[in-house]
Protein backbone atom coordinates (compact mmCIF):
# COMPACT_ATOMS: atom_id res chain seq x y z
CA UNK A 1 12.69 -89.94 125.28
CA UNK A 2 9.04 -90.49 126.22
CA UNK A 3 8.40 -91.86 122.74
CA UNK A 4 11.21 -94.39 123.13
CA UNK A 5 9.74 -95.71 126.38
CA UNK A 6 6.88 -97.15 124.33
CA UNK A 7 9.20 -99.14 122.06
CA UNK A 8 9.71 -102.89 122.46
CA UNK A 9 12.62 -103.77 124.82
CA UNK A 10 14.29 -105.91 122.13
CA UNK A 11 14.28 -102.95 119.75
CA UNK A 12 15.77 -100.63 122.37
CA UNK A 13 18.43 -103.15 123.46
CA UNK A 14 19.59 -103.61 119.88
CA UNK A 15 19.71 -99.87 119.36
CA UNK A 16 21.59 -99.30 122.64
CA UNK A 17 24.25 -101.81 121.57
CA UNK A 18 24.46 -100.18 118.15
CA UNK A 19 24.91 -96.76 119.77
CA UNK A 20 27.75 -98.07 121.95
CA UNK A 21 29.43 -99.36 118.81
CA UNK A 22 28.78 -96.04 117.08
CA UNK A 23 30.37 -94.08 119.94
CA UNK A 24 33.46 -96.28 119.63
CA UNK A 25 33.58 -95.59 115.88
CA UNK A 26 33.36 -91.84 116.43
CA UNK A 27 36.12 -91.84 119.04
CA UNK A 28 38.43 -93.94 116.88
CA UNK A 29 37.77 -91.61 113.95
CA UNK A 30 38.65 -88.62 116.13
CA UNK A 31 41.79 -90.32 117.39
CA UNK A 32 43.09 -91.03 113.88
CA UNK A 33 41.86 -87.80 112.33
CA UNK A 34 39.40 -89.50 109.98
CA UNK A 35 36.60 -87.14 109.01
CA UNK A 36 33.77 -88.00 106.58
CA UNK A 37 33.92 -84.65 104.79
CA UNK A 38 31.64 -85.71 101.93
CA UNK A 39 29.25 -87.42 104.33
CA UNK A 40 29.10 -84.30 106.49
CA UNK A 41 28.06 -82.22 103.47
CA UNK A 42 25.37 -84.73 102.57
CA UNK A 43 24.21 -84.61 106.20
CA UNK A 44 24.01 -80.82 106.13
CA UNK A 45 21.95 -80.82 102.93
CA UNK A 46 19.46 -83.20 104.54
CA UNK A 47 19.19 -81.09 107.67
CA UNK A 48 18.58 -77.91 105.69
CA UNK A 49 15.93 -79.54 103.51
CA UNK A 50 14.13 -80.92 106.57
CA UNK A 51 13.37 -77.34 107.66
CA UNK A 52 10.47 -77.34 105.18
CA UNK A 53 7.29 -79.09 106.29
CA UNK A 54 3.57 -78.78 105.58
CA UNK A 55 1.33 -76.69 107.87
CA UNK A 56 -0.14 -78.65 110.75
CA UNK A 57 2.99 -80.80 110.90
CA UNK A 58 5.69 -78.13 111.00
CA UNK A 59 4.21 -76.72 114.21
CA UNK A 60 4.58 -80.12 115.87
CA UNK A 61 8.15 -80.60 114.71
CA UNK A 62 7.08 -83.28 112.22
CA UNK A 63 8.39 -83.67 108.67
CA UNK A 64 5.67 -83.87 106.04
CA UNK A 65 6.17 -82.71 102.45
CA UNK A 66 3.33 -83.62 100.10
CA UNK A 67 3.11 -82.93 96.40
CA UNK A 68 3.04 -79.23 95.36
CA UNK A 69 2.40 -77.73 98.79
CA UNK A 70 4.31 -74.58 99.72
CA UNK A 71 6.82 -76.73 101.62
CA UNK A 72 7.21 -79.00 98.61
CA UNK A 73 7.93 -76.07 96.31
CA UNK A 74 10.39 -74.67 98.84
CA UNK A 75 12.20 -78.03 98.81
CA UNK A 76 12.36 -77.96 95.02
CA UNK A 77 13.84 -74.46 95.05
CA UNK A 78 16.40 -75.43 97.68
CA UNK A 79 17.49 -78.56 95.81
CA UNK A 80 17.82 -76.53 92.62
CA UNK A 81 19.98 -74.01 94.47
CA UNK A 82 22.14 -76.77 95.94
CA UNK A 83 22.63 -78.25 92.47
CA UNK A 84 23.66 -74.91 91.00
CA UNK A 85 26.08 -74.28 93.85
CA UNK A 86 27.57 -77.78 93.44
CA UNK A 87 28.52 -77.08 89.83
CA UNK A 88 25.78 -78.52 87.65
CA UNK A 89 25.79 -76.96 84.18
CA UNK A 90 22.01 -76.98 83.80
CA UNK A 91 19.32 -76.95 86.50
CA UNK A 92 15.58 -76.61 86.02
CA UNK A 93 12.22 -77.65 87.48
CA UNK A 94 10.17 -79.54 84.91
CA UNK A 95 6.45 -79.74 84.16
CA UNK A 96 5.61 -82.08 87.06
CA UNK A 97 7.93 -80.47 89.61
CA UNK A 98 11.00 -82.69 89.19
CA UNK A 99 14.27 -80.89 89.93
CA UNK A 100 16.64 -81.79 87.10
CA UNK A 101 20.37 -81.16 87.16
CA UNK A 102 22.80 -82.05 84.37
CA UNK A 103 26.59 -82.19 84.63
CA UNK A 104 27.77 -82.21 81.04
CA UNK A 105 30.30 -84.56 79.52
CA UNK A 106 33.80 -83.66 78.45
CA UNK A 107 33.37 -81.33 75.44
CA UNK A 108 35.73 -83.58 73.47
CA UNK A 109 33.12 -86.35 73.51
CA UNK A 110 30.81 -86.19 70.52
CA UNK A 111 27.17 -87.14 71.09
CA UNK A 112 27.63 -88.37 74.68
CA UNK A 113 25.03 -90.59 76.28
CA UNK A 114 23.61 -89.89 79.74
CA UNK A 115 23.73 -91.72 83.05
CA UNK A 116 20.55 -91.06 85.03
CA UNK A 117 20.22 -91.13 88.81
CA UNK A 118 18.04 -89.64 91.52
CA UNK A 119 15.20 -90.30 93.94
CA UNK A 120 12.21 -88.49 95.43
CA UNK A 121 12.00 -85.50 97.77
CA UNK A 122 8.37 -85.78 98.90
CA UNK A 123 7.70 -87.59 102.19
CA UNK A 124 5.02 -89.58 103.94
CA UNK A 125 3.18 -87.84 106.77
CA UNK A 126 5.40 -87.50 109.84
CA UNK A 127 8.20 -89.22 107.96
CA UNK A 128 11.99 -89.31 108.05
CA UNK A 129 14.67 -87.09 106.56
CA UNK A 130 16.49 -89.63 104.40
CA UNK A 131 13.85 -91.63 102.51
CA UNK A 132 14.37 -90.65 98.87
CA UNK A 133 16.43 -87.57 99.56
CA UNK A 134 19.60 -89.58 100.12
CA UNK A 135 19.41 -90.58 96.45
CA UNK A 136 19.49 -86.91 95.45
CA UNK A 137 22.25 -85.67 97.71
CA UNK A 138 24.73 -88.55 97.27
CA UNK A 139 25.08 -87.91 93.51
CA UNK A 140 25.02 -84.17 94.21
CA UNK A 141 28.14 -84.69 96.35
CA UNK A 142 29.73 -86.63 93.48
CA UNK A 143 29.11 -83.76 91.06
CA UNK A 144 30.45 -81.25 93.55
CA UNK A 145 33.67 -83.27 93.88
CA UNK A 146 34.00 -83.53 90.09
CA UNK A 147 33.42 -79.80 89.67
CA UNK A 148 35.94 -78.87 92.35
CA UNK A 149 38.52 -81.11 90.67
CA UNK A 150 37.76 -79.60 87.26
CA UNK A 151 36.98 -83.07 85.95
CA UNK A 152 34.50 -84.11 83.28
CA UNK A 153 33.11 -87.55 82.53
CA UNK A 154 32.79 -89.07 79.05
CA UNK A 155 29.00 -89.01 79.50
CA UNK A 156 26.41 -86.57 80.80
CA UNK A 157 25.38 -87.15 84.41
CA UNK A 158 21.72 -86.30 85.06
CA UNK A 159 20.41 -86.13 88.64
CA UNK A 160 16.65 -85.88 89.18
CA UNK A 161 14.90 -85.01 92.41
CA UNK A 162 11.58 -86.71 91.74
CA UNK A 163 8.66 -84.59 92.89
CA UNK A 164 6.28 -87.37 93.90
CA UNK A 165 6.71 -91.01 94.83
CA UNK A 166 4.71 -91.58 98.00
CA UNK A 167 1.17 -90.97 96.67
CA UNK A 168 0.14 -89.07 99.80
CA UNK A 169 -1.84 -86.14 98.38
CA UNK A 170 -3.18 -87.76 95.20
CA UNK A 171 -3.58 -91.40 94.19
CA UNK A 172 -0.75 -91.20 91.70
CA UNK A 173 2.22 -93.06 93.17
CA UNK A 174 5.42 -92.73 91.09
CA UNK A 175 3.84 -89.81 89.23
CA UNK A 176 7.19 -88.07 88.79
CA UNK A 177 9.43 -90.92 87.64
CA UNK A 178 6.53 -92.29 85.61
CA UNK A 179 6.35 -89.01 83.69
CA UNK A 180 9.93 -89.58 82.50
CA UNK A 181 8.84 -92.76 80.73
CA UNK A 182 5.57 -91.37 79.37
CA UNK A 183 3.29 -92.87 82.02
CA UNK A 184 1.62 -89.69 83.27
CA UNK A 185 -2.15 -90.23 83.09
CA UNK A 186 -4.17 -87.10 82.15
CA UNK A 187 -7.12 -88.25 84.30
CA UNK A 188 -4.95 -87.69 87.38
CA UNK A 189 -5.29 -83.95 86.78
CA UNK A 190 -8.94 -84.07 87.89
CA UNK A 191 -8.25 -85.91 91.15
CA UNK A 192 -9.02 -83.81 94.23
CA UNK A 193 -7.11 -83.91 97.51
CA UNK A 194 -8.72 -83.94 100.97
CA UNK A 195 -9.32 -80.19 100.71
CA UNK A 196 -10.96 -80.42 97.29
CA UNK A 197 -7.95 -79.04 95.39
CA UNK A 198 -7.45 -80.84 92.09
CA UNK A 199 -4.04 -81.77 90.81
CA UNK A 200 -4.60 -79.44 87.88
CA UNK A 201 -5.25 -76.53 90.26
CA UNK A 202 -2.20 -77.41 92.36
CA UNK A 203 0.01 -77.51 89.27
CA UNK A 204 -1.34 -74.21 88.01
CA UNK A 205 -0.79 -72.63 91.44
CA UNK A 206 2.80 -73.91 91.38
CA UNK A 207 3.35 -72.38 87.95
CA UNK A 208 3.94 -75.71 86.22
CA UNK A 209 3.34 -75.98 82.48
CA UNK A 210 0.84 -78.84 82.27
CA UNK A 211 1.00 -78.86 78.48
CA UNK A 212 4.71 -79.60 78.76
CA UNK A 213 4.30 -82.90 80.61
CA UNK A 214 4.55 -85.10 77.46
CA UNK A 215 7.79 -83.34 76.53
CA UNK A 216 9.68 -84.59 79.60
CA UNK A 217 9.50 -88.20 78.42
CA UNK A 218 13.06 -89.48 78.00
CA UNK A 219 14.42 -91.31 74.96
CA UNK A 220 15.91 -94.53 76.42
CA UNK A 221 18.32 -94.88 73.49
CA UNK A 222 20.18 -91.81 74.76
CA UNK A 223 20.70 -93.24 78.25
CA UNK A 224 23.26 -95.65 79.63
CA UNK A 225 21.05 -96.67 82.53
CA UNK A 226 19.65 -95.62 85.91
CA UNK A 227 21.21 -96.04 89.35
CA UNK A 228 19.64 -95.12 92.67
CA UNK A 229 20.96 -94.83 96.22
CA UNK A 230 18.38 -95.28 98.97
CA UNK A 231 18.25 -95.80 102.71
CA UNK A 232 17.44 -99.46 103.31
CA UNK A 233 14.16 -98.93 105.20
CA UNK A 234 14.67 -102.22 107.00
CA UNK A 235 16.74 -103.88 109.75
CA UNK A 236 19.03 -106.21 107.77
CA UNK A 237 22.12 -104.04 107.27
CA UNK A 238 21.85 -102.70 110.80
CA UNK A 239 21.72 -106.19 112.29
CA UNK A 240 24.67 -107.34 110.17
CA UNK A 241 26.61 -104.16 110.99
CA UNK A 242 27.14 -103.43 107.30
CA UNK A 243 26.97 -99.88 105.96
CA UNK A 244 26.02 -100.75 102.37
CA UNK A 245 24.02 -103.40 100.52
CA UNK A 246 23.70 -104.11 96.80
CA UNK A 247 20.13 -104.65 95.63
CA UNK A 248 19.44 -107.72 93.50
CA UNK A 249 15.78 -107.03 92.74
CA UNK A 250 12.90 -104.80 93.74
CA UNK A 251 10.09 -107.07 94.86
CA UNK A 252 7.01 -107.57 92.75
CA UNK A 253 3.76 -107.05 94.63
CA UNK A 254 0.02 -107.60 94.56
CA UNK A 255 -2.49 -105.82 96.79
CA UNK A 256 -6.08 -106.72 97.56
CA UNK A 257 -8.87 -105.27 99.66
CA UNK A 258 -11.54 -107.66 100.83
CA UNK A 259 -14.25 -108.44 103.32
CA UNK A 260 -15.43 -111.59 105.07
CA UNK A 261 -19.21 -111.68 105.45
CA UNK A 262 -20.60 -113.86 108.22
CA UNK A 263 -23.51 -113.38 110.61
CA UNK A 264 -23.62 -110.87 113.46
CA UNK A 265 -25.12 -112.44 116.59
CA UNK A 266 -25.20 -112.16 120.36
CA UNK A 267 -21.79 -112.86 121.90
CA UNK A 268 -23.32 -114.45 125.00
CA UNK A 269 -26.00 -116.66 123.49
CA UNK A 270 -24.39 -117.93 120.28
CA UNK A 271 -22.54 -121.24 120.90
CA UNK A 272 -19.02 -121.46 119.54
CA UNK A 273 -19.89 -124.21 117.06
CA UNK A 274 -22.72 -122.15 115.55
CA UNK A 275 -20.90 -118.91 114.94
CA UNK A 276 -20.22 -117.28 111.57
CA UNK A 277 -17.45 -115.05 112.89
CA UNK A 278 -15.97 -112.88 110.13
CA UNK A 279 -13.18 -111.53 112.35
CA UNK A 280 -11.97 -115.02 113.27
CA UNK A 281 -11.82 -115.84 109.56
CA UNK A 282 -9.61 -112.80 108.99
CA UNK A 283 -7.45 -113.73 111.97
CA UNK A 284 -6.99 -117.24 110.60
CA UNK A 285 -6.01 -115.84 107.22
CA UNK A 286 -3.55 -113.42 108.84
CA UNK A 287 -1.80 -116.29 110.60
CA UNK A 288 -1.61 -118.20 107.32
CA UNK A 289 0.04 -115.19 105.65
CA UNK A 290 2.76 -115.31 108.28
CA UNK A 291 3.27 -119.06 107.87
CA UNK A 292 3.18 -119.15 104.06
CA UNK A 293 5.48 -116.19 103.40
CA UNK A 294 8.08 -117.57 105.82
CA UNK A 295 8.39 -120.74 103.72
CA UNK A 296 9.91 -118.77 100.85
CA UNK A 297 12.47 -117.02 103.01
CA UNK A 298 12.33 -113.74 101.12
CA UNK A 299 8.61 -113.33 100.42
CA UNK A 300 6.55 -111.08 102.69
CA UNK A 301 2.81 -110.95 103.31
CA UNK A 302 0.91 -108.39 105.36
CA UNK A 303 -2.65 -107.76 106.48
CA UNK A 304 -2.18 -104.08 107.21
CA UNK A 305 -5.83 -103.03 107.38
CA UNK A 306 -8.33 -104.85 109.59
CA UNK A 307 -11.71 -103.46 110.57
CA UNK A 308 -15.00 -104.73 111.99
CA UNK A 309 -17.61 -102.22 110.75
CA UNK A 310 -19.99 -101.14 113.53
CA UNK A 311 -18.31 -103.63 115.85
CA UNK A 312 -19.44 -104.03 119.45
CA UNK A 313 -17.91 -105.73 122.46
CA UNK A 314 -20.88 -108.07 122.85
CA UNK A 315 -21.55 -108.94 119.21
CA UNK A 316 -20.01 -111.73 117.13
CA UNK A 317 -18.52 -109.88 114.13
CA UNK A 318 -20.71 -110.27 111.07
CA UNK A 319 -18.35 -108.46 108.72
CA UNK A 320 -14.60 -107.91 108.71
CA UNK A 321 -12.78 -105.79 106.13
CA UNK A 322 -9.11 -106.50 105.47
CA UNK A 323 -6.24 -105.86 103.09
CA UNK A 324 -3.54 -108.11 101.65
CA UNK A 325 -0.08 -106.97 100.57
CA UNK A 326 1.96 -109.77 98.99
CA UNK A 327 5.54 -109.28 97.78
CA UNK A 328 8.37 -111.43 96.41
CA UNK A 329 11.64 -110.91 94.48
CA UNK A 330 10.29 -112.49 91.27
CA UNK A 331 6.90 -112.45 89.61
CA UNK A 332 6.52 -116.27 89.56
CA UNK A 333 7.31 -116.44 93.29
CA UNK A 334 4.83 -113.62 93.96
CA UNK A 335 2.15 -115.33 91.89
CA UNK A 336 2.61 -118.67 93.70
CA UNK A 337 2.28 -116.86 97.02
CA UNK A 338 -0.90 -115.12 95.85
CA UNK A 339 -2.41 -118.35 94.52
CA UNK A 340 -1.80 -120.14 97.82
CA UNK A 341 -3.24 -117.26 99.85
CA UNK A 342 -6.38 -117.06 97.70
CA UNK A 343 -6.85 -120.82 97.90
CA UNK A 344 -6.59 -120.73 101.69
CA UNK A 345 -8.98 -117.77 101.84
CA UNK A 346 -11.59 -119.82 99.95
CA UNK A 347 -11.02 -122.82 102.23
CA UNK A 348 -11.46 -120.69 105.36
CA UNK A 349 -14.69 -119.17 104.09
CA UNK A 350 -16.12 -122.55 103.05
CA UNK A 351 -15.23 -124.28 106.31
CA UNK A 352 -16.64 -121.44 108.42
CA UNK A 353 -19.81 -121.11 106.36
CA UNK A 354 -19.24 -117.50 105.40
CA UNK A 355 -18.71 -115.61 102.14
CA UNK A 356 -16.20 -113.01 101.04
CA UNK A 357 -15.55 -110.20 98.58
CA UNK A 358 -12.07 -109.54 97.20
CA UNK A 359 -10.72 -106.90 94.81
CA UNK A 360 -7.21 -106.69 93.39
CA UNK A 361 -6.16 -103.04 93.69
CA UNK A 362 -2.54 -103.08 92.53
CA UNK A 363 -0.10 -105.35 90.71
CA UNK A 364 3.54 -104.35 90.18
CA UNK A 365 6.11 -106.50 88.44
CA UNK A 366 9.42 -107.30 90.08
CA UNK A 367 12.37 -105.25 88.86
CA UNK A 368 15.53 -107.38 88.91
CA UNK A 369 18.74 -105.39 88.77
CA UNK A 370 20.54 -105.41 85.44
CA UNK A 371 23.47 -107.82 86.03
CA UNK A 372 26.16 -105.53 84.62
CA UNK A 373 24.97 -102.59 86.72
CA UNK A 374 24.57 -104.67 89.87
CA UNK A 375 28.13 -105.91 89.41
CA UNK A 376 29.40 -102.33 89.11
CA UNK A 377 27.90 -101.61 92.53
CA UNK A 378 29.42 -104.84 93.88
CA UNK A 379 32.91 -103.91 92.67
CA UNK A 380 32.57 -100.34 93.97
CA UNK A 381 31.58 -101.57 97.43
CA UNK A 382 34.34 -104.21 97.48
CA UNK A 383 36.90 -101.55 96.51
CA UNK A 384 36.05 -99.79 99.79
CA UNK A 385 37.11 -102.89 101.71
CA UNK A 386 33.52 -103.87 102.47
CA UNK A 387 31.67 -107.11 101.75
CA UNK A 388 29.36 -106.73 98.75
CA UNK A 389 26.25 -107.94 100.55
CA UNK A 390 23.41 -108.82 98.17
CA UNK A 391 19.79 -108.26 99.18
CA UNK A 392 16.34 -107.75 97.65
CA UNK A 393 14.31 -104.59 98.14
CA UNK A 394 10.95 -105.18 99.74
CA UNK A 395 9.85 -101.58 99.16
CA UNK A 396 9.04 -99.99 95.84
CA UNK A 397 11.33 -97.28 94.44
CA UNK A 398 11.57 -94.92 91.49
CA UNK A 399 14.00 -97.41 89.95
CA UNK A 400 10.97 -99.67 89.33
CA UNK A 401 9.59 -97.18 86.82
CA UNK A 402 12.89 -96.54 85.03
CA UNK A 403 13.40 -100.32 84.92
CA UNK A 404 10.64 -100.45 82.32
CA UNK A 405 12.77 -98.61 79.75
CA UNK A 406 16.44 -98.92 80.76
CA UNK A 407 18.79 -101.05 82.89
CA UNK A 408 18.82 -100.16 86.59
CA UNK A 409 20.50 -101.13 89.85
CA UNK A 410 20.31 -99.80 93.40
CA UNK A 411 22.55 -99.38 96.43
CA UNK A 412 21.15 -99.46 99.97
CA UNK A 413 22.58 -97.49 102.89
CA UNK A 414 22.18 -98.73 106.45
CA UNK A 415 19.51 -97.10 108.58
CA UNK A 416 19.98 -96.50 112.29
CA UNK A 417 17.30 -97.25 114.91
CA UNK A 418 17.03 -100.83 113.63
CA UNK A 419 16.42 -99.55 110.12
CA UNK A 420 13.05 -97.98 110.87
CA UNK A 421 11.67 -95.79 108.07
CA UNK A 422 8.56 -93.74 107.26
CA UNK A 423 9.06 -92.57 110.82
CA UNK A 424 10.79 -89.62 112.56
CA UNK A 425 13.28 -92.12 114.02
CA UNK A 426 14.63 -92.83 110.52
CA UNK A 427 18.35 -92.03 110.58
CA UNK A 428 21.76 -92.80 109.16
CA UNK A 429 25.28 -91.50 109.76
CA UNK A 430 27.70 -89.20 107.99
CA UNK A 431 30.17 -92.11 107.84
CA UNK A 432 27.73 -94.35 106.00
CA UNK A 433 26.72 -91.53 103.66
CA UNK A 434 30.41 -90.94 102.95
CA UNK A 435 30.78 -94.59 101.94
CA UNK A 436 27.72 -94.29 99.69
CA UNK A 437 29.26 -91.27 97.95
CA UNK A 438 32.55 -93.12 97.47
CA UNK A 439 30.73 -96.17 96.13
CA UNK A 440 28.92 -94.03 93.57
CA UNK A 441 32.22 -92.38 92.67
CA UNK A 442 33.57 -95.88 92.06
CA UNK A 443 30.71 -96.66 89.69
CA UNK A 444 31.26 -93.36 87.85
CA UNK A 445 34.99 -94.01 87.55
CA UNK A 446 34.49 -97.54 86.22
CA UNK A 447 31.85 -96.41 83.76
CA UNK A 448 34.09 -93.54 82.64
CA UNK A 449 36.92 -95.98 81.92
CA UNK A 450 34.58 -98.24 79.96
CA UNK A 451 32.99 -95.41 78.00
CA UNK A 452 36.32 -93.81 77.12
CA UNK A 453 37.56 -96.99 75.42
CA UNK A 454 37.58 -96.71 71.60
């Protein structure tokens, strides 16, 4: 409660209204005997998995699971156990720590292809319970329902709990899903974490077969595609009061780190028209980011890091370090945004008589959903009596990596607490998770009907 007192009143008002609506939903469900049985199971799996957290965070009641820690390995073992109990035919932990479950096709089908799904089970520090993990447990519920019904699909269904996506312990974001497409970089093995433990040492301690990493690369010709369910991590579905959203594209992004270099001087004796204020230059650029991104409607631009080295209250800032994170649904739109931002940066520096340094640190291409797969999600959502709301994904996901070798499409699930994520307040409901399971069942059923045709 004390934590919520620090939140913005607008945020808390919106959440209070949403909670009133949620209470009404629960009471109506009770009155008519509607119970989200599948959603409740998915909820329980999340709660059980959240019992594992890294030392230093667990004692504070915070959820943190970083790559190959004891808590991480405990999560892998628990997911593997849940998969086996749900009825998967094969379950194993691969050479990078991915938990892989396979529900085999109808034996009458010769040389069946495979549908791939999944998401990650690592977390950010002091994160939420549903980021990534929802994309493991929703398909797990689908397999459990198939197994209980004694039903087989005309294709193999492979569910992967990806071991690493967040890049928290080592600078190797998407390590796990990247390994499936042959993008594991051997030099990562010599990276050391904050405690000096290399990735190689961590893998050896976990009992992983490093020499087996190349063998987990998938052959795209044997796969139908990749689908992923994920909590939205944003406020849109919550504000529209929609439980599900169909993703049209995962935004492309560019990141930079830079520094404005002006002249430090006395804050009291330097007239305003003679200053070379590096912090004001960064502030001007930050305001331009806000203005320029808004013109596109669905682009976003962020200056997330801002620092005046050795700053003092009575000194005009001579240096100001900053970061730029630019994202858009298509690469051309992203590149136009970046070009405009860099042009304005140069103009600001020239007009203010200062210099700057800038380094591009990351560039990721947009990953538009494969039309046929996006439409399967749309039809599955519509079959539930819900509007098939289309939306881009501003965040990166494992689907971005699989997109490089096979068709992919994603489904978003509404987040509570105004959609906040990477935060302990991240939440969703059993009802919304139930709808996500039923939507995935709809995709499986449609694909089964298509695949079974001669």
